[in-house]
Amino acid sequence: MSATMVDTCVLLDVVTEDPTWFEWSANVLERAADEGPLIINPVIYSELSIGFDRIEDIEALLTPDIFQYRPIPREAAFLAGQCFLNYRRRGGEKSTPLPDFFIGAHASVESIKLATRDTRRFRTYFPRLRLVSP
């Protein structure tokens, strides 16, 4: 079985029925679920939660029979910090690590692929990360 971490943008495409990306994202989720568990972490959960008024509603969407909630390992938090430092040295202007660094580092440390349509930072800072992208 092959796990797939699911980036927030893919989940939002499905939840909001995005007219451009719904079909692609729904198909990616379906295929990935057939291959193994769909992984979310605290950053993905937090980003997605903005669209919900109650925790019960997001919990009803992210059912444990389909989604596995995994904490971010310390090794991934360290890697996220190192990638952020690299970003700053390249002229990045943000003053705190971006969510993508935590998501990419987590998928990298656990050696699982990441389903996303926002590939730029992942390709730049996690070049060996396996991406499922358009």
N, C-alpha and C. Protein backbone atom coordinates (compact mmCIF):
# COMPACT_ATOMS: atom_id res chain seq x y z
N MET A 1 0.84 -1.18 0.00
CA MET A 1 0.00 0.00 0.00
C MET A 1 0.88 1.24 0.00
N SER A 2 0.46 2.21 -0.76
CA SER A 2 1.23 3.43 -0.93
C SER A 2 0.43 4.63 -0.43
N ALA A 3 0.90 5.26 0.64
CA ALA A 3 0.21 6.41 1.22
C ALA A 3 0.45 7.66 0.38
N THR A 4 -0.49 8.60 0.47
CA THR A 4 -0.38 9.89 -0.22
C THR A 4 -0.78 10.99 0.75
N MET A 5 0.13 11.96 0.94
CA MET A 5 -0.25 13.15 1.69
C MET A 5 -1.04 14.04 0.73
N VAL A 6 -2.10 14.65 1.24
CA VAL A 6 -2.98 15.46 0.41
C VAL A 6 -2.84 16.92 0.81
N ASP A 7 -2.35 17.73 -0.11
CA ASP A 7 -2.20 19.16 0.14
C ASP A 7 -3.57 19.81 0.29
N THR A 8 -3.63 20.87 1.04
CA THR A 8 -4.88 21.56 1.33
C THR A 8 -5.61 22.00 0.06
N CYS A 9 -4.87 22.46 -0.95
CA CYS A 9 -5.51 22.95 -2.17
C CYS A 9 -6.35 21.86 -2.84
N VAL A 10 -5.89 20.62 -2.79
CA VAL A 10 -6.63 19.51 -3.40
C VAL A 10 -7.93 19.26 -2.64
N LEU A 11 -7.85 19.28 -1.32
CA LEU A 11 -9.06 19.10 -0.51
C LEU A 11 -10.04 20.25 -0.72
N LEU A 12 -9.53 21.47 -0.77
CA LEU A 12 -10.41 22.62 -0.99
C LEU A 12 -11.09 22.57 -2.35
N ASP A 13 -10.37 22.08 -3.37
CA ASP A 13 -10.98 21.95 -4.70
C ASP A 13 -12.24 21.09 -4.64
N VAL A 14 -12.16 20.02 -3.87
CA VAL A 14 -13.29 19.09 -3.78
C VAL A 14 -14.39 19.67 -2.88
N VAL A 15 -14.01 20.19 -1.73
CA VAL A 15 -14.99 20.73 -0.78
C VAL A 15 -15.77 21.89 -1.39
N THR A 16 -15.08 22.76 -2.12
CA THR A 16 -15.74 23.95 -2.70
C THR A 16 -16.28 23.70 -4.10
N GLU A 17 -16.05 22.48 -4.61
CA GLU A 17 -16.43 22.15 -5.99
C GLU A 17 -15.91 23.19 -6.97
N ASP A 18 -14.62 23.47 -6.84
CA ASP A 18 -13.97 24.45 -7.69
C ASP A 18 -14.22 24.15 -9.16
N PRO A 19 -14.71 25.11 -9.94
CA PRO A 19 -15.07 24.84 -11.33
C PRO A 19 -13.88 24.44 -12.21
N THR A 20 -12.69 24.88 -11.87
CA THR A 20 -11.51 24.55 -12.67
C THR A 20 -10.87 23.24 -12.23
N TRP A 21 -10.76 23.02 -10.93
CA TRP A 21 -9.93 21.93 -10.41
C TRP A 21 -10.70 20.78 -9.77
N PHE A 22 -12.01 20.88 -9.60
CA PHE A 22 -12.76 19.83 -8.92
C PHE A 22 -12.51 18.45 -9.53
N GLU A 23 -12.68 18.33 -10.82
CA GLU A 23 -12.58 17.01 -11.46
C GLU A 23 -11.18 16.41 -11.28
N TRP A 24 -10.16 17.20 -11.52
CA TRP A 24 -8.79 16.69 -11.38
C TRP A 24 -8.55 16.25 -9.93
N SER A 25 -8.88 17.11 -8.97
CA SER A 25 -8.62 16.80 -7.56
C SER A 25 -9.43 15.60 -7.08
N ALA A 26 -10.70 15.52 -7.46
CA ALA A 26 -11.53 14.38 -7.06
C ALA A 26 -10.95 13.08 -7.62
N ASN A 27 -10.50 13.09 -8.85
CA ASN A 27 -9.89 11.90 -9.46
C ASN A 27 -8.60 11.51 -8.75
N VAL A 28 -7.78 12.50 -8.41
CA VAL A 28 -6.53 12.22 -7.70
C VAL A 28 -6.82 11.59 -6.34
N LEU A 29 -7.78 12.16 -5.62
CA LEU A 29 -8.13 11.59 -4.31
C LEU A 29 -8.64 10.16 -4.44
N GLU A 30 -9.48 9.92 -5.43
CA GLU A 30 -10.02 8.57 -5.62
C GLU A 30 -8.92 7.56 -5.94
N ARG A 31 -8.03 7.91 -6.86
CA ARG A 31 -6.93 7.00 -7.21
C ARG A 31 -6.00 6.78 -6.03
N ALA A 32 -5.66 7.86 -5.33
CA ALA A 32 -4.75 7.73 -4.19
C ALA A 32 -5.37 6.89 -3.08
N ALA A 33 -6.67 7.05 -2.84
CA ALA A 33 -7.35 6.26 -1.81
C ALA A 33 -7.36 4.78 -2.18
N ASP A 34 -7.41 4.47 -3.47
CA ASP A 34 -7.35 3.07 -3.91
C ASP A 34 -5.98 2.47 -3.65
N GLU A 35 -4.94 3.31 -3.63
CA GLU A 35 -3.56 2.83 -3.45
C GLU A 35 -3.15 2.73 -1.98
N GLY A 36 -3.85 3.46 -1.11
CA GLY A 36 -3.46 3.44 0.29
C GLY A 36 -4.09 4.60 1.04
N PRO A 37 -3.63 4.81 2.27
CA PRO A 37 -4.25 5.86 3.08
C PRO A 37 -3.94 7.26 2.55
N LEU A 38 -4.88 8.18 2.79
CA LEU A 38 -4.69 9.59 2.50
C LEU A 38 -4.24 10.24 3.81
N ILE A 39 -3.13 10.95 3.76
CA ILE A 39 -2.51 11.49 4.96
C ILE A 39 -2.74 13.00 5.03
N ILE A 40 -3.12 13.45 6.22
CA ILE A 40 -3.15 14.88 6.52
C ILE A 40 -2.36 15.09 7.79
N ASN A 41 -1.88 16.31 7.99
CA ASN A 41 -1.15 16.64 9.20
C ASN A 41 -1.76 17.89 9.84
N PRO A 42 -1.22 18.35 10.96
CA PRO A 42 -1.82 19.51 11.63
C PRO A 42 -1.88 20.77 10.76
N VAL A 43 -0.91 20.97 9.89
CA VAL A 43 -0.91 22.17 9.03
C VAL A 43 -2.05 22.08 8.02
N ILE A 44 -2.20 20.94 7.39
CA ILE A 44 -3.27 20.74 6.41
C ILE A 44 -4.63 20.88 7.10
N TYR A 45 -4.77 20.25 8.25
CA TYR A 45 -6.02 20.32 9.01
C TYR A 45 -6.35 21.77 9.34
N SER A 46 -5.35 22.50 9.82
CA SER A 46 -5.56 23.90 10.21
C SER A 46 -5.94 24.76 9.02
N GLU A 47 -5.24 24.61 7.89
CA GLU A 47 -5.59 25.39 6.70
C GLU A 47 -7.01 25.08 6.23
N LEU A 48 -7.38 23.81 6.23
CA LEU A 48 -8.71 23.42 5.78
C LEU A 48 -9.80 23.88 6.75
N SER A 49 -9.49 23.93 8.02
CA SER A 49 -10.49 24.26 9.04
C SER A 49 -11.06 25.67 8.88
N ILE A 50 -10.36 26.53 8.22
CA ILE A 50 -10.82 27.91 8.04
C ILE A 50 -12.18 27.95 7.34
N GLY A 51 -12.46 26.95 6.51
CA GLY A 51 -13.71 26.91 5.78
C GLY A 51 -14.87 26.29 6.55
N PHE A 52 -14.68 25.96 7.82
CA PHE A 52 -15.71 25.30 8.61
C PHE A 52 -16.01 26.11 9.87
N ASP A 53 -17.26 26.11 10.27
CA ASP A 53 -17.66 26.81 11.49
C ASP A 53 -17.51 25.94 12.73
N ARG A 54 -17.62 24.62 12.54
CA ARG A 54 -17.59 23.70 13.68
C ARG A 54 -16.61 22.57 13.42
N ILE A 55 -15.91 22.14 14.45
CA ILE A 55 -14.96 21.03 14.31
C ILE A 55 -15.67 19.75 13.87
N GLU A 56 -16.92 19.58 14.30
CA GLU A 56 -17.68 18.38 13.91
C GLU A 56 -17.85 18.29 12.40
N ASP A 57 -17.95 19.42 11.74
CA ASP A 57 -18.14 19.42 10.28
C ASP A 57 -16.87 18.99 9.54
N ILE A 58 -15.73 19.47 9.99
CA ILE A 58 -14.48 19.05 9.34
C ILE A 58 -14.17 17.59 9.68
N GLU A 59 -14.50 17.19 10.90
CA GLU A 59 -14.29 15.79 11.30
C GLU A 59 -15.18 14.85 10.47
N ALA A 60 -16.38 15.29 10.13
CA ALA A 60 -17.27 14.47 9.30
C ALA A 60 -16.71 14.30 7.89
N LEU A 61 -15.96 15.27 7.43
CA LEU A 61 -15.33 15.19 6.11
C LEU A 61 -14.08 14.30 6.13
N LEU A 62 -13.26 14.48 7.14
CA LEU A 62 -11.97 13.79 7.22
C LEU A 62 -12.10 12.52 8.06
N THR A 63 -12.94 11.61 7.61
CA THR A 63 -13.22 10.39 8.37
C THR A 63 -11.98 9.49 8.44
N PRO A 64 -11.76 8.85 9.60
CA PRO A 64 -10.56 8.04 9.79
C PRO A 64 -10.51 6.78 8.91
N ASP A 65 -11.62 6.39 8.31
CA ASP A 65 -11.56 5.25 7.40
C ASP A 65 -10.92 5.63 6.06
N ILE A 66 -10.82 6.93 5.78
CA ILE A 66 -10.22 7.40 4.53
C ILE A 66 -8.95 8.19 4.79
N PHE A 67 -8.96 9.04 5.81
CA PHE A 67 -7.84 9.93 6.10
C PHE A 67 -7.14 9.53 7.39
N GLN A 68 -5.81 9.52 7.32
CA GLN A 68 -5.01 9.31 8.53
C GLN A 68 -4.43 10.66 8.94
N TYR A 69 -4.64 11.02 10.19
CA TYR A 69 -4.08 12.25 10.74
C TYR A 69 -2.76 11.88 11.39
N ARG A 70 -1.67 12.49 10.93
CA ARG A 70 -0.36 12.19 11.48
C ARG A 70 0.30 13.46 12.00
N PRO A 71 0.87 13.40 13.19
CA PRO A 71 1.63 14.55 13.69
C PRO A 71 2.90 14.74 12.86
N ILE A 72 3.42 15.93 12.88
CA ILE A 72 4.66 16.22 12.14
C ILE A 72 5.84 15.74 12.99
N PRO A 73 6.64 14.82 12.45
CA PRO A 73 7.80 14.34 13.21
C PRO A 73 8.83 15.46 13.41
N ARG A 74 9.61 15.35 14.46
CA ARG A 74 10.64 16.36 14.73
C ARG A 74 11.61 16.50 13.58
N GLU A 75 11.95 15.37 12.94
CA GLU A 75 12.87 15.43 11.79
C GLU A 75 12.29 16.30 10.67
N ALA A 76 10.97 16.22 10.49
CA ALA A 76 10.31 17.03 9.46
C ALA A 76 10.29 18.50 9.88
N ALA A 77 10.06 18.78 11.16
CA ALA A 77 10.07 20.17 11.63
C ALA A 77 11.46 20.77 11.44
N PHE A 78 12.50 19.99 11.71
CA PHE A 78 13.87 20.45 11.48
C PHE A 78 14.10 20.73 10.01
N LEU A 79 13.71 19.79 9.15
CA LEU A 79 13.88 19.95 7.71
C LEU A 79 13.11 21.17 7.21
N ALA A 80 11.90 21.39 7.72
CA ALA A 80 11.12 22.57 7.33
C ALA A 80 11.88 23.85 7.67
N GLY A 81 12.48 23.88 8.84
CA GLY A 81 13.27 25.05 9.24
C GLY A 81 14.47 25.26 8.35
N GLN A 82 15.15 24.17 7.98
CA GLN A 82 16.31 24.28 7.10
C GLN A 82 15.91 24.77 5.70
N CYS A 83 14.80 24.27 5.20
CA CYS A 83 14.31 24.71 3.89
C CYS A 83 13.88 26.17 3.94
N PHE A 84 13.29 26.58 5.05
CA PHE A 84 12.91 27.98 5.21
C PHE A 84 14.16 28.86 5.23
N LEU A 85 15.20 28.43 5.91
CA LEU A 85 16.46 29.18 5.93
C LEU A 85 17.00 29.33 4.51
N ASN A 86 16.95 28.26 3.74
CA ASN A 86 17.37 28.29 2.33
C ASN A 86 16.52 29.29 1.54
N TYR A 87 15.22 29.27 1.77
CA TYR A 87 14.30 30.22 1.14
C TYR A 87 14.70 31.66 1.45
N ARG A 88 14.99 31.94 2.71
CA ARG A 88 15.38 33.30 3.11
C ARG A 88 16.69 33.70 2.45
N ARG A 89 17.63 32.77 2.39
CA ARG A 89 18.93 33.07 1.75
C ARG A 89 18.78 33.34 0.26
N ARG A 90 17.74 32.79 -0.34
CA ARG A 90 17.46 33.03 -1.76
C ARG A 90 16.64 34.31 -1.99
N GLY A 91 16.39 35.03 -0.93
CA GLY A 91 15.67 36.30 -1.05
C GLY A 91 14.21 36.25 -0.66
N GLY A 92 13.76 35.13 -0.11
CA GLY A 92 12.37 35.02 0.33
C GLY A 92 12.06 36.07 1.40
N GLU A 93 10.90 36.64 1.33
CA GLU A 93 10.55 37.77 2.20
C GLU A 93 9.74 37.38 3.43
N LYS A 94 9.12 36.23 3.45
CA LYS A 94 8.31 35.84 4.61
C LYS A 94 9.21 35.70 5.83
N SER A 95 8.68 36.04 7.01
CA SER A 95 9.51 36.02 8.22
C SER A 95 9.32 34.76 9.06
N THR A 96 8.32 33.95 8.72
CA THR A 96 8.12 32.69 9.43
C THR A 96 7.96 31.58 8.40
N PRO A 97 8.29 30.34 8.79
CA PRO A 97 8.18 29.24 7.82
C PRO A 97 6.76 29.11 7.25
N LEU A 98 6.70 28.90 5.97
CA LEU A 98 5.43 28.76 5.26
C LEU A 98 4.85 27.37 5.45
N PRO A 99 3.54 27.23 5.40
CA PRO A 99 2.91 25.91 5.55
C PRO A 99 3.49 24.87 4.58
N ASP A 100 3.80 25.29 3.36
CA ASP A 100 4.34 24.33 2.38
C ASP A 100 5.63 23.68 2.87
N PHE A 101 6.43 24.39 3.66
CA PHE A 101 7.66 23.79 4.15
C PHE A 101 7.36 22.65 5.13
N PHE A 102 6.38 22.83 5.98
CA PHE A 102 6.01 21.76 6.91
C PHE A 102 5.38 20.57 6.18
N ILE A 103 4.53 20.86 5.20
CA ILE A 103 3.88 19.79 4.44
C ILE A 103 4.91 19.02 3.61
N GLY A 104 5.76 19.74 2.89
CA GLY A 104 6.78 19.08 2.07
C GLY A 104 7.79 18.30 2.89
N ALA A 105 8.21 18.88 4.00
CA ALA A 105 9.18 18.19 4.85
C ALA A 105 8.57 16.92 5.45
N HIS A 106 7.31 17.01 5.87
CA HIS A 106 6.64 15.84 6.45
C HIS A 106 6.56 14.71 5.42
N ALA A 107 6.10 15.03 4.21
CA ALA A 107 6.01 14.00 3.17
C ALA A 107 7.40 13.44 2.84
N SER A 108 8.40 14.31 2.82
CA SER A 108 9.77 13.86 2.51
C SER A 108 10.31 12.92 3.56
N VAL A 109 10.17 13.29 4.83
CA VAL A 109 10.70 12.48 5.92
C VAL A 109 10.02 11.12 5.98
N GLU A 110 8.73 11.09 5.69
CA GLU A 110 8.00 9.81 5.72
C GLU A 110 8.06 9.07 4.38
N SER A 111 8.75 9.67 3.40
CA SER A 111 8.91 9.05 2.07
C SER A 111 7.56 8.68 1.45
N ILE A 112 6.63 9.63 1.50
CA ILE A 112 5.34 9.41 0.86
C ILE A 112 5.12 10.49 -0.19
N LYS A 113 4.34 10.17 -1.19
CA LYS A 113 4.09 11.15 -2.25
C LYS A 113 3.11 12.21 -1.76
N LEU A 114 3.12 13.33 -2.47
CA LEU A 114 2.26 14.46 -2.10
C LEU A 114 1.39 14.83 -3.29
N ALA A 115 0.08 14.82 -3.08
CA ALA A 115 -0.86 15.26 -4.11
C ALA A 115 -1.07 16.76 -3.94
N THR A 116 -0.68 17.53 -4.96
CA THR A 116 -0.81 18.98 -4.92
C THR A 116 -0.87 19.52 -6.34
N ARG A 117 -1.44 20.70 -6.48
CA ARG A 117 -1.36 21.37 -7.77
C ARG A 117 -0.51 22.63 -7.66
N ASP A 118 0.03 22.86 -6.48
CA ASP A 118 0.90 24.01 -6.23
C ASP A 118 2.32 23.50 -6.07
N THR A 119 3.01 23.29 -7.17
CA THR A 119 4.27 22.54 -7.14
C THR A 119 5.53 23.38 -7.00
N ARG A 120 5.48 24.67 -7.24
CA ARG A 120 6.70 25.48 -7.33
C ARG A 120 7.62 25.33 -6.12
N ARG A 121 7.11 25.61 -4.93
CA ARG A 121 7.97 25.51 -3.74
C ARG A 121 8.39 24.07 -3.46
N PHE A 122 7.49 23.14 -3.69
CA PHE A 122 7.84 21.74 -3.42
C PHE A 122 8.97 21.28 -4.34
N ARG A 123 8.90 21.63 -5.61
CA ARG A 123 9.96 21.24 -6.55
C ARG A 123 11.28 21.94 -6.22
N THR A 124 11.21 23.18 -5.77
CA THR A 124 12.41 23.95 -5.46
C THR A 124 13.10 23.45 -4.19
N TYR A 125 12.35 23.26 -3.13
CA TYR A 125 12.94 22.96 -1.83
C TYR A 125 12.94 21.48 -1.45
N PHE A 126 12.17 20.68 -2.16
CA PHE A 126 12.11 19.24 -1.90
C PHE A 126 12.22 18.50 -3.25
N PRO A 127 13.34 18.61 -3.92
CA PRO A 127 13.45 18.10 -5.29
C PRO A 127 13.27 16.58 -5.42
N ARG A 128 13.47 15.83 -4.35
CA ARG A 128 13.29 14.37 -4.43
C ARG A 128 11.89 13.92 -4.02
N LEU A 129 11.05 14.86 -3.59
CA LEU A 129 9.69 14.54 -3.19
C LEU A 129 8.88 14.11 -4.41
N ARG A 130 8.21 12.97 -4.29
CA ARG A 130 7.35 12.50 -5.38
C ARG A 130 6.04 13.26 -5.34
N LEU A 131 5.74 13.96 -6.43
CA LEU A 131 4.53 14.76 -6.50
C LEU A 131 3.52 14.14 -7.44
N VAL A 132 2.26 14.22 -7.07
CA VAL A 132 1.14 13.91 -7.95
C VAL A 132 0.55 15.27 -8.28
N SER A 133 0.74 15.71 -9.51
CA SER A 133 0.35 17.08 -9.86
C SER A 133 -0.09 17.13 -11.32
N PRO A 134 -0.83 18.22 -11.66
CA PRO A 134 -1.29 18.33 -13.06
C PRO A 134 -0.12 18.59 -14.00
